[in-house]
Amino acid sequence: MKHILFTLFLSIIICDAHAQIVTIPDVNFKNVLLNDPSINTNADTEIQVSEAQVTLDLFFYYEAIIDFTGLEAFVNLQSLTIEGELATTIDLSANLSLTNLSIVVTPIEILDLSNNTQLQTLELVANELSALDLSANMQLGYIYFFNNPVTDLNLGTNTALEELIVSSNVILPTIDVSGNTSLTKIEVVNNAMTSFDVSNNLNLEILRTYGNNLLELDVSNNLMLKELNTMFNQISSLDLSANIHLDWFNARNNQLETLDARNGNNDLFVNFNVLNNPNLDCILVDDPTAPYLLSWSVDQDTLFGSTTQNCQPLVLDDNEVLSQYYYPNPVQKTLFIESTNPLVELYVYSSSGAILIKQTSSQPKLLYQIDLSSLTTGVYYLKTVTTSSSGIKKIVKY
């Protein structure tokens, strides 16, 4: 009888010992854990449940892991980083304490985060996710979602969101951020988006929407905006007059026809770029004679004006300009003009369109010179009148 009781007792101990070991089928997954002394604290050949329960952070980097079975034992895990693994599914339903999750260059196709209600930061890069449900993750403050084949991203319940970066998701036509009023940074780039509404995002400071197919962008409600990068879109009109804190702006390679930059603080711009907008004849600015306009990147024949009336472009005869040679430009004192057609009149205009210098000649000339030494440093426009036509050229005075 004593022998039977002893055998039974021994069996219970053995079973209990086996019950305390985490089942980890994937050899690579198990080896990473065993080789980490902060996890495998007793340096044996198994991971005990007790060891898993006290582990708060896990990091896997190109370990050829296919199966993450066993991860469910890490019930107090707070941070999980997986990069370059081979798994197509990951079960996180038991990791209720997870606050930071990063899965990069790992071909997961389905990700259920409905139990991870404590999640605060989420980074998903170069996966195979065609859908993502974040409705249960109401504490999310940061999302970085890059290169996944999604067609829709619903952020309606993520009201704590402060930073949103969504990039290179090729078939994402728009994202509704109307309920994410805490956002201070939005970067939605290279997504082939055709529309994007930020009118409710009053705390927005950084907005990057470059590389999409946007036809319009209204930032009139974004009074805290400091940076706007919307290059490589199809936008025809932009109004920056309400963005008094804006100091970095790039809208190159759009279809701009009108641009109002009169925000009262044009001198704060450290970057202003609207190159390759061939239909943008004139930009409305605070002071069209200000020397800081020389540092702005604009197309050669774009004018500056302070009102819509004096921002009307002068008529430009491209053929006439091509038949003339201006030098030096930039110029300090004397500007020379050589023309294949005889010159009869010269006009120098300010950026606002005011005539500053006028010269006429009773004897038409093929070579003309004009003294600009009386002008201050800035951008000016020279109109030349020949016996057959006229043309306009931008001149920089230093």
Protein backbone atom coordinates (compact mmCIF):
# COMPACT_ATOMS: atom_id res chain seq x y z
CA MET A 1 0.00 0.00 0.00
CA LYS A 2 2.83 2.36 0.89
CA HIS A 3 4.53 1.51 -2.41
CA ILE A 4 1.36 2.38 -4.32
CA LEU A 5 0.97 5.72 -2.54
CA PHE A 6 4.60 6.61 -3.17
CA THR A 7 4.28 5.77 -6.86
CA LEU A 8 1.13 7.87 -7.12
CA PHE A 9 2.79 10.78 -5.34
CA LEU A 10 5.79 10.57 -7.65
CA SER A 11 3.53 10.56 -10.71
CA ILE A 12 1.77 13.70 -9.49
CA ILE A 13 5.10 15.46 -9.02
CA ILE A 14 6.28 14.46 -12.51
CA CYS A 15 3.01 15.57 -14.11
CA ASP A 16 3.10 18.84 -12.22
CA ALA A 17 6.67 19.46 -13.36
CA HIS A 18 5.68 18.82 -16.97
CA ALA A 19 2.67 21.14 -16.57
CA GLN A 20 5.01 23.99 -15.62
CA ILE A 21 6.97 23.79 -18.89
CA VAL A 22 5.93 26.00 -21.84
CA THR A 23 5.30 24.02 -25.01
CA ILE A 24 7.36 25.60 -27.82
CA PRO A 25 7.33 23.50 -31.04
CA ASP A 26 9.46 25.87 -33.14
CA VAL A 27 13.13 25.07 -32.49
CA ASN A 28 14.36 28.54 -33.48
CA PHE A 29 11.80 30.25 -31.25
CA LYS A 30 12.77 28.03 -28.33
CA ASN A 31 16.52 28.53 -28.83
CA VAL A 32 16.18 32.31 -28.75
CA LEU A 33 14.41 32.07 -25.41
CA LEU A 34 16.82 29.51 -23.97
CA ASN A 35 19.86 31.57 -24.96
CA ASP A 36 18.57 34.67 -23.20
CA PRO A 37 19.63 34.55 -19.52
CA SER A 38 17.11 37.22 -18.62
CA ILE A 39 14.36 34.77 -19.68
CA ASN A 40 15.89 31.33 -19.04
CA THR A 41 16.98 32.29 -15.56
CA ASN A 42 17.76 28.75 -14.38
CA ALA A 43 19.81 27.96 -17.52
CA ASP A 44 18.09 24.64 -18.18
CA THR A 45 16.76 23.22 -21.45
CA GLU A 46 13.15 24.33 -21.03
CA ILE A 47 11.23 27.54 -20.48
CA GLN A 48 9.11 27.29 -17.32
CA VAL A 49 5.74 28.99 -17.06
CA SER A 50 7.10 30.93 -14.09
CA GLU A 51 9.90 32.30 -16.30
CA ALA A 52 7.47 33.28 -19.01
CA GLN A 53 5.16 35.04 -16.57
CA VAL A 54 7.82 37.47 -15.33
CA THR A 55 9.10 38.36 -18.82
CA LEU A 56 8.01 41.86 -19.89
CA ASP A 57 9.90 42.35 -23.18
CA LEU A 58 10.61 40.08 -26.14
CA PHE A 59 12.66 40.86 -29.26
CA PHE A 60 13.15 38.59 -32.28
CA TYR A 61 15.36 39.59 -35.21
CA TYR A 62 15.73 37.37 -38.29
CA GLU A 63 15.72 34.06 -36.41
CA ALA A 64 13.75 32.11 -39.09
CA ILE A 65 10.84 31.55 -36.70
CA ILE A 66 7.77 30.01 -38.36
CA ASP A 67 5.60 29.17 -35.34
CA PHE A 68 5.15 31.41 -32.29
CA THR A 69 3.19 28.82 -30.29
CA GLY A 70 4.20 29.29 -26.66
CA LEU A 71 3.89 33.06 -26.77
CA GLU A 72 0.57 32.70 -24.96
CA ALA A 73 2.44 31.76 -21.76
CA PHE A 74 3.98 35.26 -21.57
CA VAL A 75 0.84 36.68 -20.03
CA ASN A 76 2.51 39.79 -18.57
CA LEU A 77 4.36 40.73 -21.76
CA GLN A 78 4.33 44.48 -22.34
CA SER A 79 6.56 44.94 -25.39
CA LEU A 80 6.93 42.61 -28.38
CA THR A 81 9.18 43.24 -31.40
CA ILE A 82 9.28 40.78 -34.30
CA GLU A 83 11.41 41.56 -37.34
CA GLY A 84 12.32 39.40 -40.29
CA GLU A 85 10.60 36.21 -39.17
CA LEU A 86 8.67 33.70 -41.33
CA ALA A 87 5.39 33.33 -39.45
CA THR A 88 2.13 34.01 -41.29
CA THR A 89 0.00 34.03 -38.11
CA ILE A 90 0.64 35.16 -34.55
CA ASP A 91 -1.77 34.56 -31.66
CA LEU A 92 -1.68 37.43 -29.17
CA SER A 93 -5.04 36.74 -27.53
CA ALA A 94 -3.45 35.82 -24.18
CA ASN A 95 -1.06 38.78 -24.04
CA LEU A 96 -3.48 41.14 -22.37
CA SER A 97 -0.82 43.45 -20.93
CA LEU A 98 0.77 44.23 -24.29
CA THR A 99 1.31 47.99 -24.75
CA ASN A 100 3.93 48.08 -27.54
CA LEU A 101 3.80 45.88 -30.64
CA SER A 102 6.12 45.96 -33.67
CA ILE A 103 5.93 43.38 -36.48
CA VAL A 104 8.28 44.20 -39.36
CA VAL A 105 9.11 42.29 -42.58
CA THR A 106 7.12 39.29 -41.38
CA PRO A 107 4.42 37.93 -43.74
CA ILE A 108 1.50 37.75 -41.32
CA GLU A 109 -1.83 37.68 -43.14
CA ILE A 110 -4.24 37.95 -40.20
CA LEU A 111 -3.75 39.81 -36.92
CA ASP A 112 -6.38 39.76 -34.19
CA LEU A 113 -5.79 42.53 -31.64
CA SER A 114 -9.25 42.50 -30.09
CA ASN A 115 -7.93 41.29 -26.70
CA ASN A 116 -5.01 43.72 -26.59
CA THR A 117 -6.94 46.64 -25.20
CA GLN A 118 -3.89 48.14 -23.45
CA LEU A 119 -2.01 48.62 -26.71
CA GLN A 120 -0.49 52.11 -27.03
CA THR A 121 1.96 51.87 -29.94
CA LEU A 122 1.57 49.74 -33.06
CA GLU A 123 4.08 49.29 -35.88
CA LEU A 124 3.22 47.04 -38.82
CA VAL A 125 5.67 47.15 -41.73
CA ALA A 126 5.92 45.04 -44.90
CA ASN A 127 3.40 42.36 -43.93
CA GLU A 128 0.58 40.74 -45.92
CA LEU A 129 -2.35 42.29 -44.05
CA SER A 130 -5.36 42.95 -46.24
CA ALA A 131 -7.51 44.04 -43.29
CA LEU A 132 -6.88 45.44 -39.81
CA ASP A 133 -9.46 45.92 -37.04
CA LEU A 134 -8.35 48.38 -34.35
CA SER A 135 -11.78 49.07 -32.88
CA ALA A 136 -10.87 47.53 -29.50
CA ASN A 137 -7.57 49.39 -29.17
CA MET A 138 -8.84 52.67 -27.83
CA GLN A 139 -5.62 53.56 -26.01
CA LEU A 140 -3.52 53.60 -29.18
CA GLY A 141 -1.48 56.79 -29.37
CA TYR A 142 0.91 55.88 -32.20
CA ILE A 143 0.32 53.91 -35.42
CA TYR A 144 2.95 53.21 -38.09
CA PHE A 145 1.38 51.19 -40.91
CA PHE A 146 3.63 50.68 -43.92
CA ASN A 147 3.50 48.59 -47.09
CA ASN A 148 0.46 46.39 -46.52
CA PRO A 149 -2.24 45.57 -49.12
CA VAL A 150 -5.16 47.12 -47.23
CA THR A 151 -8.02 48.95 -48.94
CA ASP A 152 -9.60 50.40 -45.80
CA LEU A 153 -8.36 51.56 -42.41
CA ASN A 154 -10.99 52.37 -39.78
CA LEU A 155 -9.69 54.52 -36.92
CA GLY A 156 -13.06 55.67 -35.60
CA THR A 157 -12.58 54.42 -32.03
CA ASN A 158 -8.92 55.41 -31.69
CA THR A 159 -9.62 58.80 -30.16
CA ALA A 160 -6.35 58.88 -28.18
CA LEU A 161 -4.28 58.75 -31.35
CA GLU A 162 -1.56 61.43 -31.51
CA GLU A 163 0.67 60.21 -34.35
CA LEU A 164 -0.45 58.44 -37.52
CA ILE A 165 1.99 57.28 -40.18
CA VAL A 166 0.47 55.33 -43.08
CA SER A 167 2.75 54.85 -46.05
CA SER A 168 3.04 52.89 -49.32
CA ASN A 169 -0.26 51.07 -48.99
CA VAL A 170 -0.89 51.28 -52.70
CA ILE A 171 -4.68 50.85 -52.78
CA LEU A 172 -5.84 53.03 -49.90
CA PRO A 173 -8.05 55.78 -51.44
CA THR A 174 -8.64 57.74 -48.21
CA ILE A 175 -8.48 57.58 -44.42
CA ASP A 176 -11.15 59.01 -42.13
CA VAL A 177 -9.42 60.90 -39.28
CA SER A 178 -12.39 63.09 -38.39
CA GLY A 179 -12.74 61.44 -34.96
CA ASN A 180 -9.02 61.52 -34.15
CA THR A 181 -8.96 65.04 -32.77
CA SER A 182 -5.84 64.50 -30.62
CA LEU A 183 -3.61 63.99 -33.65
CA THR A 184 -0.55 66.26 -33.77
CA LYS A 185 1.26 64.46 -36.57
CA ILE A 186 -0.14 62.85 -39.73
CA GLU A 187 2.00 61.26 -42.41
CA VAL A 188 -0.07 59.60 -45.12
CA VAL A 189 2.25 59.24 -48.11
CA ASN A 190 2.45 57.17 -51.30
CA ASN A 191 -0.98 55.61 -50.81
CA ALA A 192 -2.63 56.74 -54.09
CA MET A 193 -5.15 58.68 -51.97
CA THR A 194 -7.59 60.86 -53.88
CA SER A 195 -9.05 62.75 -50.91
CA PHE A 196 -8.12 63.55 -47.32
CA ASP A 197 -10.01 65.69 -44.80
CA VAL A 198 -8.17 67.21 -41.82
CA SER A 199 -10.73 69.87 -40.94
CA ASN A 200 -11.41 68.31 -37.51
CA ASN A 201 -7.75 67.90 -36.55
CA LEU A 202 -7.30 71.23 -34.81
CA ASN A 203 -4.16 70.17 -32.89
CA LEU A 204 -2.28 69.12 -36.01
CA GLU A 205 1.33 70.42 -36.19
CA ILE A 206 2.86 68.21 -38.89
CA LEU A 207 1.03 67.14 -42.05
CA ARG A 208 2.70 65.10 -44.80
CA THR A 209 0.56 63.93 -47.71
CA TYR A 210 3.12 63.69 -50.50
CA GLY A 211 3.03 61.11 -53.27
CA ASN A 212 -0.74 60.73 -53.54
CA ASN A 213 -3.37 61.83 -56.06
CA LEU A 214 -5.01 64.56 -54.00
CA LEU A 215 -6.96 67.15 -55.97
CA GLU A 216 -7.48 69.48 -53.01
CA LEU A 217 -6.36 70.00 -49.43
CA ASP A 218 -8.01 72.37 -46.94
CA VAL A 219 -5.79 73.38 -44.01
CA SER A 220 -7.73 76.48 -42.99
CA ASN A 221 -8.76 74.92 -39.65
CA ASN A 222 -5.27 73.69 -38.77
CA LEU A 223 -4.10 76.81 -36.98
CA MET A 224 -1.29 75.02 -35.13
CA LEU A 225 0.30 73.66 -38.32
CA LYS A 226 4.10 74.06 -38.50
CA GLU A 227 5.02 71.74 -41.37
CA LEU A 228 3.12 70.96 -44.56
CA ASN A 229 4.56 68.63 -47.19
CA THR A 230 2.12 67.85 -50.00
CA MET A 231 4.44 67.54 -52.98
CA PHE A 232 3.68 65.21 -55.90
CA ASN A 233 -0.11 65.51 -55.90
CA GLN A 234 -2.65 67.13 -58.25
CA ILE A 235 -3.67 70.07 -56.04
CA SER A 236 -4.74 73.21 -57.92
CA SER A 237 -5.26 75.67 -55.04
CA LEU A 238 -3.89 76.15 -51.52
CA ASP A 239 -4.69 78.74 -48.88
CA LEU A 240 -2.11 79.09 -46.09
CA SER A 241 -3.31 82.43 -44.75
CA ALA A 242 -4.63 80.92 -41.49
CA ASN A 243 -1.49 78.92 -40.74
CA ILE A 244 0.41 81.55 -38.78
CA HIS A 245 2.89 79.04 -37.28
CA LEU A 246 3.83 77.45 -40.60
CA ASP A 247 7.59 77.55 -41.24
CA TRP A 248 8.15 74.52 -43.52
CA PHE A 249 6.21 74.15 -46.76
CA ASN A 250 6.66 71.97 -49.84
CA ALA A 251 4.08 71.71 -52.63
CA ARG A 252 6.36 71.09 -55.57
CA ASN A 253 5.13 69.02 -58.51
CA ASN A 254 1.43 69.80 -58.19
CA GLN A 255 -1.00 71.60 -60.49
CA LEU A 256 -1.18 74.80 -58.47
CA GLU A 257 -2.91 77.77 -60.07
CA THR A 258 -3.46 79.85 -56.93
CA LEU A 259 -1.48 80.00 -53.68
CA ASP A 260 -2.21 82.39 -50.83
CA ALA A 261 0.74 82.43 -48.42
CA ARG A 262 -0.23 85.65 -46.60
CA ASN A 263 -0.10 84.28 -43.06
CA GLY A 264 1.57 87.36 -41.54
CA ASN A 265 4.77 85.44 -40.80
CA ASN A 266 6.40 84.82 -44.18
CA ASP A 267 9.79 85.67 -42.68
CA LEU A 268 9.60 82.52 -40.50
CA PHE A 269 9.83 80.12 -43.43
CA VAL A 270 12.98 78.01 -43.37
CA ASN A 271 11.74 76.10 -46.40
CA PHE A 272 9.28 77.18 -49.11
CA ASN A 273 9.19 75.09 -52.28
CA VAL A 274 6.63 75.24 -55.10
CA LEU A 275 8.85 74.26 -58.01
CA ASN A 276 7.31 72.52 -61.02
CA ASN A 277 3.90 74.16 -60.81
CA PRO A 278 3.75 75.49 -64.38
CA ASN A 279 0.31 77.12 -63.95
CA LEU A 280 1.26 79.10 -60.85
CA ASP A 281 1.79 82.59 -62.24
CA CYS A 282 1.75 84.49 -58.95
CA ILE A 283 1.97 83.81 -55.19
CA LEU A 284 0.18 86.03 -52.68
CA VAL A 285 2.67 86.97 -49.95
CA ASP A 286 2.97 89.38 -47.02
CA ASP A 287 5.54 91.63 -48.70
CA PRO A 288 6.38 91.05 -52.39
CA THR A 289 9.58 93.13 -52.05
CA ALA A 290 10.98 91.24 -49.03
CA PRO A 291 14.54 89.94 -49.56
CA TYR A 292 13.77 86.57 -47.93
CA LEU A 293 11.73 85.68 -51.02
CA LEU A 294 15.06 85.12 -52.77
CA SER A 295 15.51 81.92 -50.74
CA TRP A 296 12.12 80.52 -51.76
CA SER A 297 12.16 77.82 -54.42
CA VAL A 298 9.72 78.93 -57.12
CA ASP A 299 9.56 78.56 -60.88
CA GLN A 300 11.46 81.12 -62.88
CA ASP A 301 8.52 83.19 -64.10
CA THR A 302 6.40 83.07 -60.94
CA LEU A 303 5.52 86.52 -59.59
CA PHE A 304 4.80 87.70 -56.03
CA GLY A 305 1.99 90.03 -55.02
CA SER A 306 0.27 91.23 -51.86
CA THR A 307 -3.28 91.45 -53.28
CA THR A 308 -5.18 89.62 -55.97
CA GLN A 309 -5.20 92.83 -58.01
CA ASN A 310 -1.42 93.27 -58.14
CA CYS A 311 -0.87 89.53 -58.44
CA GLN A 312 -2.12 89.46 -62.01
CA PRO A 313 0.74 88.23 -64.17
CA LEU A 314 2.11 90.42 -66.91
CA VAL A 315 1.70 89.09 -70.44
CA LEU A 316 4.70 86.99 -71.35
CA ASP A 317 5.84 86.40 -74.88
CA ASP A 318 8.02 83.27 -74.62
CA ASN A 319 9.31 83.60 -78.16
CA GLU A 320 10.55 87.09 -77.49
CA VAL A 321 12.32 86.05 -74.29
CA LEU A 322 14.08 83.23 -76.11
CA SER A 323 15.38 85.71 -78.69
CA GLN A 324 17.11 87.81 -76.02
CA TYR A 325 20.14 87.30 -73.77
CA TYR A 326 20.36 88.90 -70.30
CA TYR A 327 23.61 89.13 -68.32
CA PRO A 328 24.71 89.06 -65.57
CA ASN A 329 21.75 87.61 -63.68
CA PRO A 330 21.86 87.87 -60.67
CA VAL A 331 23.05 91.43 -61.18
CA GLN A 332 24.62 93.95 -58.82
CA LYS A 333 24.67 97.13 -60.91
CA THR A 334 24.48 97.09 -64.73
CA LEU A 335 22.35 94.63 -66.68
CA PHE A 336 23.03 94.05 -70.38
CA ILE A 337 20.40 92.87 -72.85
CA GLU A 338 21.20 91.52 -76.29
CA SER A 339 18.30 91.02 -78.69
CA THR A 340 17.89 89.67 -82.18
CA ASN A 341 15.04 92.19 -82.65
CA PRO A 342 15.71 95.92 -82.06
CA LEU A 343 14.75 97.14 -78.56
CA VAL A 344 12.69 100.34 -78.19
CA GLU A 345 11.50 100.23 -74.51
CA LEU A 346 12.58 98.71 -71.18
CA TYR A 347 10.54 98.52 -67.98
CA VAL A 348 11.62 97.25 -64.54
CA TYR A 349 8.73 96.09 -62.32
CA SER A 350 8.66 95.28 -58.63
CA SER A 351 7.28 91.89 -57.57
CA SER A 352 3.95 93.59 -56.92
CA GLY A 353 3.79 94.93 -60.48
CA ALA A 354 4.79 98.57 -59.88
CA ILE A 355 6.94 100.23 -62.59
CA LEU A 356 10.26 101.28 -61.02
CA ILE A 357 12.35 102.11 -64.10
CA LYS A 358 11.36 103.01 -67.64
CA GLN A 359 13.71 103.62 -70.54
CA THR A 360 12.86 104.40 -74.13
CA SER A 361 14.99 104.88 -77.21
CA SER A 362 14.22 106.79 -80.36
CA GLN A 363 16.83 104.65 -82.10
CA PRO A 364 16.06 100.91 -81.70
CA LYS A 365 19.08 98.96 -80.44
CA LEU A 366 20.21 95.35 -80.50
CA LEU A 367 22.34 95.89 -77.38
CA TYR A 368 20.97 97.73 -74.37
CA GLN A 369 22.19 98.33 -70.83
CA ILE A 370 20.30 99.46 -67.77
CA ASP A 371 21.57 100.70 -64.39
CA LEU A 372 19.95 98.87 -61.45
CA SER A 373 22.23 100.17 -58.71
CA SER A 374 19.43 102.25 -57.17
CA LEU A 375 17.32 99.15 -56.46
CA THR A 376 17.48 97.22 -53.21
CA THR A 377 18.23 93.52 -53.04
CA GLY A 378 15.29 91.48 -54.28
CA VAL A 379 13.40 89.97 -57.20
CA TYR A 380 12.33 92.19 -60.13
CA TYR A 381 10.85 91.73 -63.58
CA LEU A 382 12.24 93.26 -66.76
CA LYS A 383 9.86 93.88 -69.63
CA THR A 384 11.47 94.40 -73.01
CA VAL A 385 9.62 95.89 -75.98
CA THR A 386 10.96 95.37 -79.47
CA THR A 387 9.70 96.62 -82.79
CA SER A 388 7.64 93.42 -83.14
CA SER A 389 6.64 92.14 -79.67
CA SER A 390 7.44 92.14 -75.94
CA GLY A 391 8.65 89.75 -73.24
CA ILE A 392 9.26 89.54 -69.49
CA LYS A 393 12.26 88.13 -67.60
CA LYS A 394 12.83 87.64 -63.86
CA ILE A 395 15.89 89.51 -62.57
CA VAL A 396 17.59 88.99 -59.21
CA LYS A 397 19.34 92.06 -57.72
CA TYR A 398 21.99 91.49 -55.02
